[in-house]
Protein backbone atom coordinates (compact mmCIF):
# COMPACT_ATOMS: atom_id res chain seq x y z
CA MET A 1 53.98 42.43 101.68
CA ALA A 2 50.33 42.78 102.74
CA ASP A 3 49.58 39.20 101.65
CA VAL A 4 52.53 37.85 103.64
CA LYS A 5 51.48 39.88 106.71
CA GLU A 6 47.95 38.46 106.46
CA GLN A 7 49.25 34.90 106.24
CA VAL A 8 51.54 35.45 109.24
CA HIS A 9 48.55 36.80 111.17
CA GLU A 10 46.49 33.76 110.15
CA ALA A 11 49.33 31.54 111.40
CA GLY A 12 48.73 32.92 114.89
CA ALA A 13 50.77 36.12 115.16
CA THR A 14 49.61 38.44 117.92
CA SER A 15 51.65 41.37 116.64
CA ILE A 16 53.34 42.15 113.33
CA GLU A 17 55.65 45.11 112.70
CA GLU A 18 57.17 46.14 109.37
CA LEU A 19 60.92 46.69 109.55
CA PRO A 20 63.43 48.11 107.06
CA PHE A 21 64.71 45.95 104.21
CA ASN A 22 61.32 44.38 103.42
CA SER A 23 61.29 42.54 106.78
CA LEU A 24 58.68 41.76 109.40
CA GLN A 25 58.90 41.19 113.13
CA ALA A 26 56.11 39.03 114.51
CA THR A 27 55.17 37.59 117.87
CA LEU A 28 53.61 34.16 117.53
CA PRO A 29 53.40 30.85 119.35
CA GLU A 30 56.35 28.50 118.91
CA THR A 31 53.93 25.94 117.48
CA SER A 32 53.26 28.29 114.52
CA VAL A 33 56.88 28.66 113.37
CA ASP A 34 56.74 25.75 110.90
CA ARG A 35 53.58 27.19 109.35
CA VAL A 36 55.22 30.61 108.93
CA CYS A 37 58.30 29.01 107.34
CA ASP A 38 56.03 27.53 104.64
CA ILE A 39 54.50 30.89 103.60
CA PRO A 40 55.50 31.83 100.02
CA GLY A 41 57.61 34.99 100.12
CA ILE A 42 59.25 34.19 103.46
CA GLU A 43 62.98 33.79 102.80
CA SER A 44 64.22 33.30 106.37
CA VAL A 45 62.98 33.14 109.95
CA GLU A 46 64.94 34.16 113.03
CA LEU A 47 63.79 33.17 116.50
CA ASP A 48 63.69 35.33 119.63
CA SER A 49 65.50 38.65 119.43
CA GLY A 50 68.13 37.55 116.92
CA MET A 51 67.63 40.59 114.69
CA GLU A 52 68.59 44.11 115.64
CA VAL A 53 67.56 47.16 113.62
CA LEU A 54 70.36 49.70 113.61
CA ALA A 55 69.61 53.43 113.53
CA GLY A 56 70.14 55.05 110.17
CA ASN A 57 69.42 51.96 108.08
């Protein structure tokens, strides 16, 4: 996970937060999304606030 976080940061993320279920939430420029999608270990990317972490999970 640390390697993926570093690559997301290098892609231009200004903040990265670890979430449950081996997930990350990152804030980055729209122009960096394609670069993040190409990072090995990234299985899916959701834009905006499409993911909600529920209490107790």
